[in-house]
Amino acid sequence: MGREQTPPYPVLAALLGGDGRKMRSILRVFHLSVSKDIEAIEQAAARGQWFVVLRLAHRISIGCRQIGEERMAEELISDVVSAIECARTGAGSFARQFRGARHGLIQVLNLAEAYAAADELDSVA
């Protein structure tokens, strides 16, 4: 007997009734918006606009939660708050402190992009 395969992004699959086209569409939007928001975070941080940085991080976090990336959502907020504190107190640069969160987000984005491009999603049930 073959094992039942867990669908990619099971939280999203459950919300969308396993509709692969909708999943790909949402993952594409997620990829595009988070990519832009990462750039916007870095630009806002360079200007010292910490409220903007935090607002963008929360928006990314919500997107992560919507596709089932709970761990990344929580780590992102924690890392961003720490990076802001380091930058505000002079204990380090925001960019250096944000590097880990950025790397994690890029991994999540790469995975979302790969799934968004996969033909198998049409058969997720």
PDB file of N, CA and C in Angstrom:
ATOM      1  N   MET A   1       0.832  -1.187   0.000  1.00  0.00           N
ATOM      2  CA  MET A   1       0.000   0.000   0.000  1.00  0.00           C
ATOM      3  C   MET A   1       0.871   1.241   0.000  1.00  0.00           C
ATOM      4  N   GLY A   2       0.509   2.210  -0.814  1.00  0.00           N
ATOM      5  CA  GLY A   2       1.245   3.461  -0.848  1.00  0.00           C
ATOM      6  C   GLY A   2       0.787   4.388   0.256  1.00  0.00           C
ATOM      7  N   ARG A   3       1.694   5.206   0.687  1.00  0.00           N
ATOM      8  CA  ARG A   3       1.350   6.187   1.712  1.00  0.00           C
ATOM      9  C   ARG A   3       0.607   7.352   1.094  1.00  0.00           C
ATOM     10  N   GLU A   4      -0.344   7.888   1.841  1.00  0.00           N
ATOM     11  CA  GLU A   4      -1.065   9.070   1.382  1.00  0.00           C
ATOM     12  C   GLU A   4      -0.131  10.264   1.483  1.00  0.00           C
ATOM     13  N   GLN A   5      -0.001  11.001   0.417  1.00  0.00           N
ATOM     14  CA  GLN A   5       0.919  12.128   0.378  1.00  0.00           C
ATOM     15  C   GLN A   5       0.262  13.378   0.953  1.00  0.00           C
ATOM     16  N   THR A   6       0.994  14.049   1.855  1.00  0.00           N
ATOM     17  CA  THR A   6       0.510  15.297   2.417  1.00  0.00           C
ATOM     18  C   THR A   6       0.619  16.378   1.355  1.00  0.00           C
ATOM     19  N   PRO A   7      -0.449  17.113   1.122  1.00  0.00           N
ATOM     20  CA  PRO A   7      -0.379  18.159   0.101  1.00  0.00           C
ATOM     21  C   PRO A   7       0.552  19.286   0.554  1.00  0.00           C
ATOM     22  N   PRO A   8       1.168  19.969  -0.404  1.00  0.00           N
ATOM     23  CA  PRO A   8       1.983  21.125  -0.033  1.00  0.00           C
ATOM     24  C   PRO A   8       1.066  22.190   0.564  1.00  0.00           C
ATOM     25  N   TYR A   9       1.594  22.901   1.553  1.00  0.00           N
ATOM     26  CA  TYR A   9       0.820  23.954   2.202  1.00  0.00           C
ATOM     27  C   TYR A   9      -0.548  23.439   2.640  1.00  0.00           C
ATOM     28  N   PRO A  10      -0.571  22.493   3.566  1.00  0.00           N
ATOM     29  CA  PRO A  10      -1.843  21.887   3.971  1.00  0.00           C
ATOM     30  C   PRO A  10      -2.855  22.888   4.538  1.00  0.00           C
ATOM     31  N   VAL A  11      -2.387  23.926   5.228  1.00  0.00           N
ATOM     32  CA  VAL A  11      -3.313  24.931   5.763  1.00  0.00           C
ATOM     33  C   VAL A  11      -4.004  25.658   4.618  1.00  0.00           C
ATOM     34  N   LEU A  12      -3.232  26.078   3.651  1.00  0.00           N
ATOM     35  CA  LEU A  12      -3.783  26.775   2.491  1.00  0.00           C
ATOM     36  C   LEU A  12      -4.669  25.838   1.673  1.00  0.00           C
ATOM     37  N   ALA A  13      -4.222  24.596   1.493  1.00  0.00           N
ATOM     38  CA  ALA A  13      -5.011  23.617   0.745  1.00  0.00           C
ATOM     39  C   ALA A  13      -6.375  23.400   1.398  1.00  0.00           C
ATOM     40  N   ALA A  14      -6.383  23.327   2.726  1.00  0.00           N
ATOM     41  CA  ALA A  14      -7.659  23.130   3.435  1.00  0.00           C
ATOM     42  C   ALA A  14      -8.574  24.339   3.258  1.00  0.00           C
ATOM     43  N   LEU A  15      -7.998  25.532   3.350  1.00  0.00           N
ATOM     44  CA  LEU A  15      -8.804  26.744   3.188  1.00  0.00           C
ATOM     45  C   LEU A  15      -9.421  26.853   1.803  1.00  0.00           C
ATOM     46  N   LEU A  16      -8.690  26.360   0.809  1.00  0.00           N
ATOM     47  CA  LEU A  16      -9.132  26.505  -0.578  1.00  0.00           C
ATOM     48  C   LEU A  16      -9.738  25.231  -1.150  1.00  0.00           C
ATOM     49  N   GLY A  17      -9.996  24.264  -0.288  1.00  0.00           N
ATOM     50  CA  GLY A  17     -10.596  23.020  -0.761  1.00  0.00           C
ATOM     51  C   GLY A  17      -9.714  22.270  -1.740  1.00  0.00           C
ATOM     52  N   GLY A  18      -8.399  22.460  -1.638  1.00  0.00           N
ATOM     53  CA  GLY A  18      -7.468  21.748  -2.505  1.00  0.00           C
ATOM     54  C   GLY A  18      -7.423  22.258  -3.937  1.00  0.00           C
ATOM     55  N   ASP A  19      -7.981  23.425  -4.203  1.00  0.00           N
ATOM     56  CA  ASP A  19      -7.989  23.984  -5.563  1.00  0.00           C
ATOM     57  C   ASP A  19      -6.576  24.458  -5.929  1.00  0.00           C
ATOM     58  N   GLY A  20      -5.901  23.684  -6.767  1.00  0.00           N
ATOM     59  CA  GLY A  20      -4.522  23.976  -7.150  1.00  0.00           C
ATOM     60  C   GLY A  20      -4.335  25.315  -7.834  1.00  0.00           C
ATOM     61  N   ARG A  21      -5.272  25.694  -8.681  1.00  0.00           N
ATOM     62  CA  ARG A  21      -5.157  26.991  -9.377  1.00  0.00           C
ATOM     63  C   ARG A  21      -5.207  28.142  -8.382  1.00  0.00           C
ATOM     64  N   LYS A  22      -6.121  28.055  -7.428  1.00  0.00           N
ATOM     65  CA  LYS A  22      -6.213  29.111  -6.414  1.00  0.00           C
ATOM     66  C   LYS A  22      -4.955  29.131  -5.549  1.00  0.00           C
ATOM     67  N   MET A  23      -4.453  27.950  -5.212  1.00  0.00           N
ATOM     68  CA  MET A  23      -3.233  27.882  -4.405  1.00  0.00           C
ATOM     69  C   MET A  23      -2.066  28.539  -5.136  1.00  0.00           C
ATOM     70  N   ARG A  24      -1.893  28.192  -6.408  1.00  0.00           N
ATOM     71  CA  ARG A  24      -0.803  28.798  -7.191  1.00  0.00           C
ATOM     72  C   ARG A  24      -0.950  30.301  -7.261  1.00  0.00           C
ATOM     73  N   SER A  25      -2.170  30.760  -7.458  1.00  0.00           N
ATOM     74  CA  SER A  25      -2.427  32.197  -7.542  1.00  0.00           C
ATOM     75  C   SER A  25      -2.054  32.894  -6.230  1.00  0.00           C
ATOM     76  N   ILE A  26      -2.495  32.336  -5.125  1.00  0.00           N
ATOM     77  CA  ILE A  26      -2.189  32.939  -3.824  1.00  0.00           C
ATOM     78  C   ILE A  26      -0.693  32.896  -3.545  1.00  0.00           C
ATOM     79  N   LEU A  27      -0.040  31.804  -3.880  1.00  0.00           N
ATOM     80  CA  LEU A  27       1.402  31.701  -3.651  1.00  0.00           C
ATOM     81  C   LEU A  27       2.180  32.685  -4.524  1.00  0.00           C
ATOM     82  N   ARG A  28       1.690  32.921  -5.744  1.00  0.00           N
ATOM     83  CA  ARG A  28       2.340  33.925  -6.600  1.00  0.00           C
ATOM     84  C   ARG A  28       2.197  35.324  -6.001  1.00  0.00           C
ATOM     85  N   VAL A  29       0.997  35.647  -5.538  1.00  0.00           N
ATOM     86  CA  VAL A  29       0.762  36.955  -4.910  1.00  0.00           C
ATOM     87  C   VAL A  29       1.608  37.081  -3.649  1.00  0.00           C
ATOM     88  N   PHE A  30       1.650  36.032  -2.846  1.00  0.00           N
ATOM     89  CA  PHE A  30       2.474  36.020  -1.645  1.00  0.00           C
ATOM     90  C   PHE A  30       3.932  36.304  -2.015  1.00  0.00           C
ATOM     91  N   HIS A  31       4.435  35.602  -3.008  1.00  0.00           N
ATOM     92  CA  HIS A  31       5.833  35.767  -3.424  1.00  0.00           C
ATOM     93  C   HIS A  31       6.108  37.202  -3.860  1.00  0.00           C
ATOM     94  N   LEU A  32       5.252  37.731  -4.688  1.00  0.00           N
ATOM     95  CA  LEU A  32       5.436  39.092  -5.200  1.00  0.00           C
ATOM     96  C   LEU A  32       5.352  40.123  -4.080  1.00  0.00           C
ATOM     97  N   SER A  33       4.334  40.026  -3.241  1.00  0.00           N
ATOM     98  CA  SER A  33       4.153  41.046  -2.209  1.00  0.00           C
ATOM     99  C   SER A  33       5.241  40.972  -1.137  1.00  0.00           C
ATOM    100  N   VAL A  34       5.633  39.777  -0.728  1.00  0.00           N
ATOM    101  CA  VAL A  34       6.676  39.662   0.291  1.00  0.00           C
ATOM    102  C   VAL A  34       8.022  40.119  -0.259  1.00  0.00           C
ATOM    103  N   SER A  35       8.293  39.816  -1.511  1.00  0.00           N
ATOM    104  CA  SER A  35       9.540  40.290  -2.133  1.00  0.00           C
ATOM    105  C   SER A  35       9.613  41.818  -2.089  1.00  0.00           C
ATOM    106  N   LYS A  36       8.515  42.459  -2.435  1.00  0.00           N
ATOM    107  CA  LYS A  36       8.462  43.927  -2.399  1.00  0.00           C
ATOM    108  C   LYS A  36       8.562  44.450  -0.967  1.00  0.00           C
ATOM    109  N   ASP A  37       7.896  43.756  -0.047  1.00  0.00           N
ATOM    110  CA  ASP A  37       7.916  44.207   1.348  1.00  0.00           C
ATOM    111  C   ASP A  37       9.297  44.063   1.981  1.00  0.00           C
ATOM    112  N   ILE A  38      10.055  43.051   1.593  1.00  0.00           N
ATOM    113  CA  ILE A  38      11.423  42.914   2.109  1.00  0.00           C
ATOM    114  C   ILE A  38      12.254  44.118   1.688  1.00  0.00           C
ATOM    115  N   GLU A  39      12.141  44.486   0.423  1.00  0.00           N
ATOM    116  CA  GLU A  39      12.858  45.671  -0.072  1.00  0.00           C
ATOM    117  C   GLU A  39      12.397  46.929   0.674  1.00  0.00           C
ATOM    118  N   ALA A  40      11.095  47.041   0.871  1.00  0.00           N
ATOM    119  CA  ALA A  40      10.558  48.218   1.566  1.00  0.00           C
ATOM    120  C   ALA A  40      11.034  48.269   3.016  1.00  0.00           C
ATOM    121  N   ILE A  41      11.143  47.111   3.671  1.00  0.00           N
ATOM    122  CA  ILE A  41      11.673  47.069   5.036  1.00  0.00           C
ATOM    123  C   ILE A  41      13.094  47.599   5.059  1.00  0.00           C
ATOM    124  N   GLU A  42      13.904  47.137   4.137  1.00  0.00           N
ATOM    125  CA  GLU A  42      15.302  47.559   4.106  1.00  0.00           C
ATOM    126  C   GLU A  42      15.434  49.050   3.823  1.00  0.00           C
ATOM    127  N   GLN A  43      14.592  49.578   2.941  1.00  0.00           N
ATOM    128  CA  GLN A  43      14.626  51.005   2.639  1.00  0.00           C
ATOM    129  C   GLN A  43      14.153  51.827   3.844  1.00  0.00           C
ATOM    130  N   ALA A  44      13.075  51.392   4.485  1.00  0.00           N
ATOM    131  CA  ALA A  44      12.562  52.109   5.654  1.00  0.00           C
ATOM    132  C   ALA A  44      13.576  52.063   6.797  1.00  0.00           C
ATOM    133  N   ALA A  45      14.235  50.933   6.975  1.00  0.00           N
ATOM    134  CA  ALA A  45      15.245  50.812   8.026  1.00  0.00           C
ATOM    135  C   ALA A  45      16.415  51.747   7.767  1.00  0.00           C
ATOM    136  N   ALA A  46      16.800  51.885   6.515  1.00  0.00           N
ATOM    137  CA  ALA A  46      17.906  52.783   6.170  1.00  0.00           C
ATOM    138  C   ALA A  46      17.561  54.230   6.514  1.00  0.00           C
ATOM    139  N   ARG A  47      16.259  54.558   6.514  1.00  0.00           N
ATOM    140  CA  ARG A  47      15.803  55.908   6.854  1.00  0.00           C
ATOM    141  C   ARG A  47      15.433  56.027   8.337  1.00  0.00           C
ATOM    142  N   GLY A  48      15.544  54.919   9.072  1.00  0.00           N
ATOM    143  CA  GLY A  48      15.189  54.942  10.490  1.00  0.00           C
ATOM    144  C   GLY A  48      13.697  55.018  10.746  1.00  0.00           C
ATOM    145  N   GLN A  49      12.900  54.562   9.811  1.00  0.00           N
ATOM    146  CA  GLN A  49      11.439  54.589   9.947  1.00  0.00           C
ATOM    147  C   GLN A  49      10.970  53.272  10.572  1.00  0.00           C
ATOM    148  N   TRP A  50      11.160  53.164  11.878  1.00  0.00           N
ATOM    149  CA  TRP A  50      10.937  51.897  12.568  1.00  0.00           C
ATOM    150  C   TRP A  50       9.478  51.487  12.611  1.00  0.00           C
ATOM    151  N   PHE A  51       8.569  52.434  12.687  1.00  0.00           N
ATOM    152  CA  PHE A  51       7.152  52.079  12.659  1.00  0.00           C
ATOM    153  C   PHE A  51       6.800  51.432  11.322  1.00  0.00           C
ATOM    154  N   VAL A  52       7.321  51.978  10.248  1.00  0.00           N
ATOM    155  CA  VAL A  52       7.075  51.417   8.913  1.00  0.00           C
ATOM    156  C   VAL A  52       7.659  50.013   8.829  1.00  0.00           C
ATOM    157  N   VAL A  53       8.871  49.842   9.345  1.00  0.00           N
ATOM    158  CA  VAL A  53       9.518  48.523   9.336  1.00  0.00           C
ATOM    159  C   VAL A  53       8.644  47.507  10.064  1.00  0.00           C
ATOM    160  N   LEU A  54       8.166  47.881  11.239  1.00  0.00           N
ATOM    161  CA  LEU A  54       7.339  46.971  12.031  1.00  0.00           C
ATOM    162  C   LEU A  54       6.008  46.677  11.350  1.00  0.00           C
ATOM    163  N   ARG A  55       5.402  47.680  10.748  1.00  0.00           N
ATOM    164  CA  ARG A  55       4.128  47.483  10.034  1.00  0.00           C
ATOM    165  C   ARG A  55       4.311  46.512   8.871  1.00  0.00           C
ATOM    166  N   LEU A  56       5.396  46.681   8.121  1.00  0.00           N
ATOM    167  CA  LEU A  56       5.677  45.780   6.994  1.00  0.00           C
ATOM    168  C   LEU A  56       5.960  44.358   7.484  1.00  0.00           C
ATOM    169  N   ALA A  57       6.697  44.247   8.574  1.00  0.00           N
ATOM    170  CA  ALA A  57       6.993  42.922   9.127  1.00  0.00           C
ATOM    171  C   ALA A  57       5.700  42.217   9.549  1.00  0.00           C
ATOM    172  N   HIS A  58       4.782  42.972  10.141  1.00  0.00           N
ATOM    173  CA  HIS A  58       3.497  42.377  10.530  1.00  0.00           C
ATOM    174  C   HIS A  58       2.706  41.955   9.302  1.00  0.00           C
ATOM    175  N   ARG A  59       2.758  42.733   8.247  1.00  0.00           N
ATOM    176  CA  ARG A  59       2.044  42.365   7.022  1.00  0.00           C
ATOM    177  C   ARG A  59       2.618  41.077   6.428  1.00  0.00           C
ATOM    178  N   ILE A  60       3.948  40.969   6.415  1.00  0.00           N
ATOM    179  CA  ILE A  60       4.574  39.737   5.929  1.00  0.00           C
ATOM    180  C   ILE A  60       4.195  38.573   6.827  1.00  0.00           C
ATOM    181  N   SER A  61       4.202  38.810   8.129  1.00  0.00           N
ATOM    182  CA  SER A  61       3.858  37.766   9.093  1.00  0.00           C
ATOM    183  C   SER A  61       2.444  37.240   8.852  1.00  0.00           C
ATOM    184  N   ILE A  62       1.517  38.126   8.590  1.00  0.00           N
ATOM    185  CA  ILE A  62       0.138  37.711   8.300  1.00  0.00           C
ATOM    186  C   ILE A  62       0.106  36.845   7.048  1.00  0.00           C
ATOM    187  N   GLY A  63       0.829  37.245   6.023  1.00  0.00           N
ATOM    188  CA  GLY A  63       0.894  36.445   4.803  1.00  0.00           C
ATOM    189  C   GLY A  63       1.480  35.069   5.059  1.00  0.00           C
ATOM    190  N   CYS A  64       2.521  35.014   5.872  1.00  0.00           N
ATOM    191  CA  CYS A  64       3.124  33.720   6.228  1.00  0.00           C
ATOM    192  C   CYS A  64       2.108  32.836   6.933  1.00  0.00           C
ATOM    193  N   ARG A  65       1.373  33.412   7.852  1.00  0.00           N
ATOM    194  CA  ARG A  65       0.362  32.628   8.589  1.00  0.00           C
ATOM    195  C   ARG A  65      -0.724  32.114   7.647  1.00  0.00           C
ATOM    196  N   GLN A  66      -1.105  32.921   6.674  1.00  0.00           N
ATOM    197  CA  GLN A  66      -2.170  32.517   5.757  1.00  0.00           C
ATOM    198  C   GLN A  66      -1.782  31.316   4.904  1.00  0.00           C
ATOM    199  N   ILE A  67      -0.499  31.141   4.659  1.00  0.00           N
ATOM    200  CA  ILE A  67      -0.087  29.978   3.872  1.00  0.00           C
ATOM    201  C   ILE A  67       0.431  28.846   4.765  1.00  0.00           C
ATOM    202  N   GLY A  68       0.343  29.036   6.078  1.00  0.00           N
ATOM    203  CA  GLY A  68       0.729  27.979   7.000  1.00  0.00           C
ATOM    204  C   GLY A  68       2.163  28.024   7.485  1.00  0.00           C
ATOM    205  N   GLU A  69       2.853  29.121   7.251  1.00  0.00           N
ATOM    206  CA  GLU A  69       4.246  29.287   7.688  1.00  0.00           C
ATOM    207  C   GLU A  69       4.275  29.985   9.051  1.00  0.00           C
ATOM    208  N   GLU A  70       3.659  29.339  10.037  1.00  0.00           N
ATOM    209  CA  GLU A  70       3.549  29.910  11.390  1.00  0.00           C
ATOM    210  C   GLU A  70       4.910  30.215  12.003  1.00  0.00           C
ATOM    211  N   ARG A  71       5.820  29.281  11.892  1.00  0.00           N
ATOM    212  CA  ARG A  71       7.139  29.457  12.511  1.00  0.00           C
ATOM    213  C   ARG A  71       7.857  30.682  11.940  1.00  0.00           C
ATOM    214  N   MET A  72       7.810  30.828  10.626  1.00  0.00           N
ATOM    215  CA  MET A  72       8.459  31.984   9.999  1.00  0.00           C
ATOM    216  C   MET A  72       7.789  33.265  10.449  1.00  0.00           C
ATOM    217  N   ALA A  73       6.477  33.251  10.571  1.00  0.00           N
ATOM    218  CA  ALA A  73       5.741  34.444  11.006  1.00  0.00           C
ATOM    219  C   ALA A  73       6.204  34.892  12.383  1.00  0.00           C
ATOM    220  N   GLU A  74       6.337  33.946  13.296  1.00  0.00           N
ATOM    221  CA  GLU A  74       6.751  34.286  14.652  1.00  0.00           C
ATOM    222  C   GLU A  74       8.216  34.714  14.705  1.00  0.00           C
ATOM    223  N   GLU A  75       9.074  33.989  14.001  1.00  0.00           N
ATOM    224  CA  GLU A  75      10.497  34.330  13.991  1.00  0.00           C
ATOM    225  C   GLU A  75      10.731  35.712  13.379  1.00  0.00           C
ATOM    226  N   LEU A  76       9.981  36.024  12.335  1.00  0.00           N
ATOM    227  CA  LEU A  76      10.146  37.311  11.667  1.00  0.00           C
ATOM    228  C   LEU A  76       9.895  38.460  12.624  1.00  0.00           C
ATOM    229  N   ILE A  77       8.774  38.422  13.325  1.00  0.00           N
ATOM    230  CA  ILE A  77       8.442  39.514  14.233  1.00  0.00           C
ATOM    231  C   ILE A  77       9.499  39.632  15.324  1.00  0.00           C
ATOM    232  N   SER A  78       9.889  38.518  15.886  1.00  0.00           N
ATOM    233  CA  SER A  78      10.910  38.524  16.934  1.00  0.00           C
ATOM    234  C   SER A  78      12.231  39.102  16.420  1.00  0.00           C
ATOM    235  N   ASP A  79      12.649  38.650  15.240  1.00  0.00           N
ATOM    236  CA  ASP A  79      13.911  39.122  14.664  1.00  0.00           C
ATOM    237  C   ASP A  79      13.868  40.600  14.312  1.00  0.00           C
ATOM    238  N   VAL A  80      12.748  41.057  13.786  1.00  0.00           N
ATOM    239  CA  VAL A  80      12.623  42.464  13.412  1.00  0.00           C
ATOM    240  C   VAL A  80      12.637  43.354  14.651  1.00  0.00           C
ATOM    241  N   VAL A  81      11.921  42.955  15.682  1.00  0.00           N
ATOM    242  CA  VAL A  81      11.919  43.746  16.922  1.00  0.00           C
ATOM    243  C   VAL A  81      13.335  43.812  17.490  1.00  0.00           C
ATOM    244  N   SER A  82      14.043  42.702  17.501  1.00  0.00           N
ATOM    245  CA  SER A  82      15.433  42.687  17.986  1.00  0.00           C
ATOM    246  C   SER A  82      16.333  43.572  17.124  1.00  0.00           C
ATOM    247  N   ALA A  83      16.159  43.503  15.825  1.00  0.00           N
ATOM    248  CA  ALA A  83      16.972  44.308  14.916  1.00  0.00           C
ATOM    249  C   ALA A  83      16.709  45.801  15.106  1.00  0.00           C
ATOM    250  N   ILE A  84      15.453  46.156  15.312  1.00  0.00           N
ATOM    251  CA  ILE A  84      15.112  47.560  15.560  1.00  0.00           C
ATOM    252  C   ILE A  84      15.753  48.024  16.861  1.00  0.00           C
ATOM    253  N   GLU A  85      15.648  47.210  17.905  1.00  0.00           N
ATOM    254  CA  GLU A  85      16.245  47.577  19.193  1.00  0.00           C
ATOM    255  C   GLU A  85      17.756  47.760  19.069  1.00  0.00           C
ATOM    256  N   CYS A  86      18.418  46.858  18.370  1.00  0.00           N
ATOM    257  CA  CYS A  86      19.868  46.986  18.166  1.00  0.00           C
ATOM    258  C   CYS A  86      20.199  48.275  17.435  1.00  0.00           C
ATOM    259  N   ALA A  87      19.441  48.569  16.395  1.00  0.00           N
ATOM    260  CA  ALA A  87      19.706  49.775  15.609  1.00  0.00           C
ATOM    261  C   ALA A  87      19.430  51.040  16.424  1.00  0.00           C
ATOM    262  N   ARG A  88      18.363  51.040  17.186  1.00  0.00           N
ATOM    263  CA  ARG A  88      17.996  52.228  17.973  1.00  0.00           C
ATOM    264  C   ARG A  88      18.959  52.489  19.122  1.00  0.00           C
ATOM    265  N   THR A  89      19.508  51.429  19.691  1.00  0.00           N
ATOM    266  CA  THR A  89      20.418  51.602  20.833  1.00  0.00           C
ATOM    267  C   THR A  89      21.878  51.678  20.414  1.00  0.00           C
ATOM    268  N   GLY A  90      22.132  51.496  19.128  1.00  0.00           N
ATOM    269  CA  GLY A  90      23.510  51.542  18.643  1.00  0.00           C
ATOM    270  C   GLY A  90      24.281  50.250  18.882  1.00  0.00           C
ATOM    271  N   ALA A  91      23.590  49.176  19.257  1.00  0.00           N
ATOM    272  CA  ALA A  91      24.245  47.896  19.531  1.00  0.00           C
ATOM    273  C   ALA A  91      24.569  47.112  18.263  1.00  0.00           C
ATOM    274  N   GLY A  92      24.107  47.582  17.127  1.00  0.00           N
ATOM    275  CA  GLY A  92      24.373  46.899  15.857  1.00  0.00           C
ATOM    276  C   GLY A  92      23.526  47.502  14.763  1.00  0.00           C
ATOM    277  N   SER A  93      23.815  47.089  13.553  1.00  0.00           N
ATOM    278  CA  SER A  93      23.040  47.623  12.432  1.00  0.00           C
ATOM    279  C   SER A  93      21.799  46.770  12.204  1.00  0.00           C
ATOM    280  N   PHE A  94      20.758  47.406  11.736  1.00  0.00           N
ATOM    281  CA  PHE A  94      19.528  46.699  11.434  1.00  0.00           C
ATOM    282  C   PHE A  94      19.792  45.631  10.387  1.00  0.00           C
ATOM    283  N   ALA A  95      20.517  45.988   9.329  1.00  0.00           N
ATOM    284  CA  ALA A  95      20.756  45.053   8.228  1.00  0.00           C
ATOM    285  C   ALA A  95      21.445  43.785   8.710  1.00  0.00           C
ATOM    286  N   ARG A  96      22.409  43.931   9.575  1.00  0.00           N
ATOM    287  CA  ARG A  96      23.134  42.764  10.084  1.00  0.00           C
ATOM    288  C   ARG A  96      22.206  41.896  10.929  1.00  0.00           C
ATOM    289  N   GLN A  97      21.415  42.522  11.772  1.00  0.00           N
ATOM    290  CA  GLN A  97      20.499  41.783  12.642  1.00  0.00           C
ATOM    291  C   GLN A  97      19.335  41.167  11.868  1.00  0.00           C
ATOM    292  N   PHE A  98      18.936  41.804  10.782  1.00  0.00           N
ATOM    293  CA  PHE A  98      17.811  41.345   9.966  1.00  0.00           C
ATOM    294  C   PHE A  98      18.220  40.226   9.015  1.00  0.00           C
ATOM    295  N   ARG A  99      19.499  40.028   8.840  1.00  0.00           N
ATOM    296  CA  ARG A  99      20.025  39.063   7.865  1.00  0.00           C
ATOM    297  C   ARG A  99      19.416  37.665   8.037  1.00  0.00           C
ATOM    298  N   GLY A 100      19.312  37.177   9.267  1.00  0.00           N
ATOM    299  CA  GLY A 100      18.754  35.838   9.498  1.00  0.00           C
ATOM    300  C   GLY A 100      17.297  35.746   9.093  1.00  0.00           C
ATOM    301  N   ALA A 101      16.512  36.745   9.476  1.00  0.00           N
ATOM    302  CA  ALA A 101      15.099  36.762   9.109  1.00  0.00           C
ATOM    303  C   ALA A 101      14.952  36.858   7.592  1.00  0.00           C
ATOM    304  N   ARG A 102      15.790  37.669   6.976  1.00  0.00           N
ATOM    305  CA  ARG A 102      15.740  37.829   5.515  1.00  0.00           C
ATOM    306  C   ARG A 102      16.033  36.499   4.840  1.00  0.00           C
ATOM    307  N   HIS A 103      17.046  35.804   5.341  1.00  0.00           N
ATOM    308  CA  HIS A 103      17.414  34.511   4.769  1.00  0.00           C
ATOM    309  C   HIS A 103      16.249  33.521   4.892  1.00  0.00           C
ATOM    310  N   GLY A 104      15.612  33.481   6.061  1.00  0.00           N
ATOM    311  CA  GLY A 104      14.464  32.603   6.259  1.00  0.00           C
ATOM    312  C   GLY A 104      13.318  32.946   5.325  1.00  0.00           C
ATOM    313  N   LEU A 105      13.061  34.231   5.147  1.00  0.00           N
ATOM    314  CA  LEU A 105      12.000  34.657   4.232  1.00  0.00           C
ATOM    315  C   LEU A 105      12.308  34.261   2.798  1.00  0.00           C
ATOM    316  N   ILE A 106      13.561  34.393   2.398  1.00  0.00           N
ATOM    317  CA  ILE A 106      13.942  34.009   1.035  1.00  0.00           C
ATOM    318  C   ILE A 106      13.700  32.516   0.822  1.00  0.00           C
ATOM    319  N   GLN A 107      13.988  31.706   1.826  1.00  0.00           N
ATOM    320  CA  GLN A 107      13.713  30.273   1.717  1.00  0.00           C
ATOM    321  C   GLN A 107      12.218  30.008   1.570  1.00  0.00           C
ATOM    322  N   VAL A 108      11.409  30.699   2.358  1.00  0.00           N
ATOM    323  CA  VAL A 108       9.958  30.559   2.260  1.00  0.00           C
ATOM    324  C   VAL A 108       9.480  31.008   0.880  1.00  0.00           C
ATOM    325  N   LEU A 109      10.039  32.115   0.383  1.00  0.00           N
ATOM    326  CA  LEU A 109       9.661  32.606  -0.945  1.00  0.00           C
ATOM    327  C   LEU A 109      10.046  31.621  -2.044  1.00  0.00           C
ATOM    328  N   ASN A 110      11.231  31.054  -1.935  1.00  0.00           N
ATOM    329  CA  ASN A 110      11.671  30.086  -2.946  1.00  0.00           C
ATOM    330  C   ASN A 110      10.758  28.863  -2.968  1.00  0.00           C
ATOM    331  N   LEU A 111      10.366  28.401  -1.802  1.00  0.00           N
ATOM    332  CA  LEU A 111       9.464  27.262  -1.719  1.00  0.00           C
ATOM    333  C   LEU A 111       8.099  27.617  -2.311  1.00  0.00           C
ATOM    334  N   ALA A 112       7.591  28.788  -1.962  1.00  0.00           N
ATOM    335  CA  ALA A 112       6.297  29.227  -2.509  1.00  0.00           C
ATOM    336  C   ALA A 112       6.365  29.344  -4.028  1.00  0.00           C
ATOM    337  N   GLU A 113       7.457  29.886  -4.523  1.00  0.00           N
ATOM    338  CA  GLU A 113       7.618  30.021  -5.973  1.00  0.00           C
ATOM    339  C   GLU A 113       7.651  28.658  -6.649  1.00  0.00           C
ATOM    340  N   ALA A 114       8.357  27.707  -6.045  1.00  0.00           N
ATOM    341  CA  ALA A 114       8.437  26.364  -6.618  1.00  0.00           C
ATOM    342  C   ALA A 114       7.060  25.704  -6.650  1.00  0.00           C
ATOM    343  N   TYR A 115       6.310  25.814  -5.563  1.00  0.00           N
ATOM    344  CA  TYR A 115       4.974  25.230  -5.537  1.00  0.00           C
ATOM    345  C   TYR A 115       4.033  25.948  -6.486  1.00  0.00           C
ATOM    346  N   ALA A 116       4.169  27.246  -6.603  1.00  0.00           N
ATOM    347  CA  ALA A 116       3.297  28.002  -7.507  1.00  0.00           C
ATOM    348  C   ALA A 116       3.509  27.589  -8.950  1.00  0.00           C
ATOM    349  N   ALA A 117       4.703  27.135  -9.265  1.00  0.00           N
ATOM    350  CA  ALA A 117       5.027  26.741 -10.634  1.00  0.00           C
ATOM    351  C   ALA A 117       4.715  25.273 -10.899  1.00  0.00           C
ATOM    352  N   ALA A 118       4.459  24.491  -9.865  1.00  0.00           N
ATOM    353  CA  ALA A 118       4.266  23.046 -10.020  1.00  0.00           C
ATOM    354  C   ALA A 118       2.897  22.719 -10.601  1.00  0.00           C
ATOM    355  N   ASP A 119       2.885  21.807 -11.558  1.00  0.00           N
ATOM    356  CA  ASP A 119       1.633  21.355 -12.178  1.00  0.00           C
ATOM    357  C   ASP A 119       0.819  20.462 -11.258  1.00  0.00           C
ATOM    358  N   GLU A 120       1.484  19.798 -10.299  1.00  0.00           N
ATOM    359  CA  GLU A 120       0.798  18.842  -9.440  1.00  0.00           C
ATOM    360  C   GLU A 120      -0.265  19.478  -8.563  1.00  0.00           C
ATOM    361  N   LEU A 121      -0.214  20.762  -8.369  1.00  0.00           N
ATOM    362  CA  LEU A 121      -1.160  21.401  -7.456  1.00  0.00           C
ATOM    363  C   LEU A 121      -2.602  21.296  -7.923  1.00  0.00           C
ATOM    364  N   ASP A 122      -2.804  21.124  -9.210  1.00  0.00           N
ATOM    365  CA  ASP A 122      -4.165  20.988  -9.699  1.00  0.00           C
ATOM    366  C   ASP A 122      -4.846  19.753  -9.127  1.00  0.00           C
ATOM    367  N   SER A 123      -4.051  18.758  -8.723  1.00  0.00           N
ATOM    368  CA  SER A 123      -4.650  17.520  -8.241  1.00  0.00           C
ATOM    369  C   SER A 123      -4.652  17.414  -6.728  1.00  0.00           C
ATOM    370  N   VAL A 124      -4.293  18.474  -6.011  1.00  0.00           N
ATOM    371  CA  VAL A 124      -4.318  18.439  -4.554  1.00  0.00           C
ATOM    372  C   VAL A 124      -5.752  18.282  -4.096  1.00  0.00           C
ATOM    373  N   ALA A 125      -5.965  17.343  -3.227  1.00  0.00           N
ATOM    374  CA  ALA A 125      -7.353  17.136  -2.771  1.00  0.00           C
ATOM    375  C   ALA A 125      -7.407  16.951  -1.280  1.00  0.00           C
TER     376      ALA A 125
END
